[in-house]
Each structure stands twice: as structure tokens, then as C-alpha cells.
Amino acid sequence: MAQNEQSDGNGSNEANSYAKYMGIAFQMLVIIGICTFAGYKIDEAANHQTKWVTALLALLGVFGSLFLVIRSVKN
């Protein structure tokens, strides 16, 4: 009986970790996507031949999402 309780608890813990890290990955995807889309729209409105605003905002989105990931993993 005690073994079943331990395996259920362990499986639940693994599922919680999986859900937590999938949430973090989704959050990263959304942040990078929104920043890239905003940069694309700014470049489109300004008629830039070189899409430097898109590249800059995508890079800022990557750094920002990494910052949030590191902060959430620490906690």
C-alpha cells in the first residue's frame, strides 16, 4: 500500500514539473513572438529596407524571456 502512494506522489510531482516548464516555454514563445511582430509592424510602417527594428526587438524579446526564465527557475 505504501509503494502505491509513493509512486502516485512521484508521478504527480513529475507532472507538475512538466506543466511548469511547458508553461515557461510557452511564455518564452509568446514574449519573443510579440516582440518580433511589433518590430515587423514598425518596420513595415516606416518602410525600412533593412528590418533592423524587427531584429532588435526580437533580440530584446529573447533576452527578456531568458531573464524571466532564470528568475522563475531560481524560485
C-alpha atoms as a PDB file:
ATOM      1  CA  MET A   1       0.000   0.000   0.000  1.00  0.00           C
ATOM      2  CA  ALA A   2       2.819   2.425   0.842  1.00  0.00           C
ATOM      3  CA  GLN A   3       4.528   1.790  -2.504  1.00  0.00           C
ATOM      4  CA  ASN A   4       1.422   2.798  -4.458  1.00  0.00           C
ATOM      5  CA  GLU A   5       1.178   6.048  -2.516  1.00  0.00           C
ATOM      6  CA  GLN A   6       4.820   6.849  -3.229  1.00  0.00           C
ATOM      7  CA  SER A   7       4.532   6.171  -6.953  1.00  0.00           C
ATOM      8  CA  ASP A   8       1.364   8.279  -7.184  1.00  0.00           C
ATOM      9  CA  GLY A   9       3.092  11.142  -5.415  1.00  0.00           C
ATOM     10  CA  ASN A  10       6.146  10.878  -7.638  1.00  0.00           C
ATOM     11  CA  GLY A  11       4.064  10.812 -10.814  1.00  0.00           C
ATOM     12  CA  SER A  12       2.126  13.838  -9.677  1.00  0.00           C
ATOM     13  CA  ASN A  13       5.366  15.666  -8.912  1.00  0.00           C
ATOM     14  CA  GLU A  14       6.731  14.847 -12.367  1.00  0.00           C
ATOM     15  CA  ALA A  15       3.509  16.044 -13.977  1.00  0.00           C
ATOM     16  CA  ASN A  16       3.699  19.312 -12.034  1.00  0.00           C
ATOM     17  CA  SER A  17       7.311  19.866 -13.131  1.00  0.00           C
ATOM     18  CA  TYR A  18       6.407  19.083 -16.721  1.00  0.00           C
ATOM     19  CA  ALA A  19       3.486  21.517 -16.646  1.00  0.00           C
ATOM     20  CA  LYS A  20       5.635  24.204 -15.026  1.00  0.00           C
ATOM     21  CA  TYR A  21       8.371  24.008 -17.650  1.00  0.00           C
ATOM     22  CA  MET A  22       5.890  23.789 -20.518  1.00  0.00           C
ATOM     23  CA  GLY A  23       4.319  26.974 -19.175  1.00  0.00           C
ATOM     24  CA  ILE A  24       7.715  28.655 -19.113  1.00  0.00           C
ATOM     25  CA  ALA A  25       8.409  27.560 -22.708  1.00  0.00           C
ATOM     26  CA  PHE A  26       5.031  28.885 -23.838  1.00  0.00           C
ATOM     27  CA  GLN A  27       5.710  32.165 -22.046  1.00  0.00           C
ATOM     28  CA  MET A  28       9.055  32.490 -23.843  1.00  0.00           C
ATOM     29  CA  LEU A  29       7.403  31.805 -27.189  1.00  0.00           C
ATOM     30  CA  VAL A  30       4.734  34.428 -26.595  1.00  0.00           C
ATOM     31  CA  ILE A  31       7.197  37.121 -25.466  1.00  0.00           C
ATOM     32  CA  ILE A  32       9.539  36.573 -28.412  1.00  0.00           C
ATOM     33  CA  GLY A  33       6.616  36.378 -30.831  1.00  0.00           C
ATOM     34  CA  ILE A  34       5.013  39.607 -29.628  1.00  0.00           C
ATOM     35  CA  CYS A  35       8.316  41.494 -29.734  1.00  0.00           C
ATOM     36  CA  THR A  36       9.105  40.208 -33.234  1.00  0.00           C
ATOM     37  CA  PHE A  37       5.614  41.023 -34.504  1.00  0.00           C
ATOM     38  CA  ALA A  38       5.813  44.541 -33.063  1.00  0.00           C
ATOM     39  CA  GLY A  39       9.192  45.072 -34.728  1.00  0.00           C
ATOM     40  CA  TYR A  40       7.843  43.775 -38.025  1.00  0.00           C
ATOM     41  CA  LYS A  41       4.894  46.162 -37.895  1.00  0.00           C
ATOM     42  CA  ILE A  42       7.164  49.114 -37.042  1.00  0.00           C
ATOM     43  CA  ASP A  43       9.487  48.277 -39.951  1.00  0.00           C
ATOM     44  CA  GLU A  44       6.507  47.862 -42.257  1.00  0.00           C
ATOM     45  CA  ALA A  45       5.033  51.231 -41.247  1.00  0.00           C
ATOM     46  CA  ALA A  46       8.373  53.010 -41.615  1.00  0.00           C
ATOM     47  CA  ASN A  47       9.206  51.314 -44.966  1.00  0.00           C
ATOM     48  CA  HIS A  48      12.659  50.230 -43.826  1.00  0.00           C
ATOM     49  CA  GLN A  49      14.560  48.217 -46.419  1.00  0.00           C
ATOM     50  CA  THR A  50      16.642  46.590 -43.692  1.00  0.00           C
ATOM     51  CA  LYS A  51      14.449  45.105 -40.966  1.00  0.00           C
ATOM     52  CA  TRP A  52      16.637  46.317 -38.095  1.00  0.00           C
ATOM     53  CA  VAL A  53      13.755  47.125 -35.730  1.00  0.00           C
ATOM     54  CA  THR A  54      12.441  43.574 -36.121  1.00  0.00           C
ATOM     55  CA  ALA A  55      15.868  42.143 -35.368  1.00  0.00           C
ATOM     56  CA  LEU A  56      16.383  44.448 -32.389  1.00  0.00           C
ATOM     57  CA  LEU A  57      13.009  43.754 -30.809  1.00  0.00           C
ATOM     58  CA  ALA A  58      13.347  40.001 -31.425  1.00  0.00           C
ATOM     59  CA  LEU A  59      16.707  40.073 -29.673  1.00  0.00           C
ATOM     60  CA  LEU A  60      15.251  42.079 -26.781  1.00  0.00           C
ATOM     61  CA  GLY A  61      12.425  39.546 -26.572  1.00  0.00           C
ATOM     62  CA  VAL A  62      14.930  36.693 -26.309  1.00  0.00           C
ATOM     63  CA  PHE A  63      16.889  38.431 -23.565  1.00  0.00           C
ATOM     64  CA  GLY A  64      13.716  39.406 -21.724  1.00  0.00           C
ATOM     65  CA  SER A  65      12.303  35.894 -21.850  1.00  0.00           C
ATOM     66  CA  LEU A  66      15.620  34.414 -20.696  1.00  0.00           C
ATOM     67  CA  PHE A  67      15.618  36.835 -17.781  1.00  0.00           C
ATOM     68  CA  LEU A  68      12.124  35.706 -16.787  1.00  0.00           C
ATOM     69  CA  VAL A  69      13.084  32.031 -17.138  1.00  0.00           C
ATOM     70  CA  ILE A  70      16.160  32.411 -14.972  1.00  0.00           C
ATOM     71  CA  ARG A  71      14.178  34.328 -12.375  1.00  0.00           C
ATOM     72  CA  SER A  72      11.387  31.737 -12.277  1.00  0.00           C
ATOM     73  CA  VAL A  73      13.783  28.762 -12.134  1.00  0.00           C
ATOM     74  CA  LYS A  74      15.617  30.338  -9.181  1.00  0.00           C
ATOM     75  CA  ASN A  75      12.344  30.489  -7.243  1.00  0.00           C
END
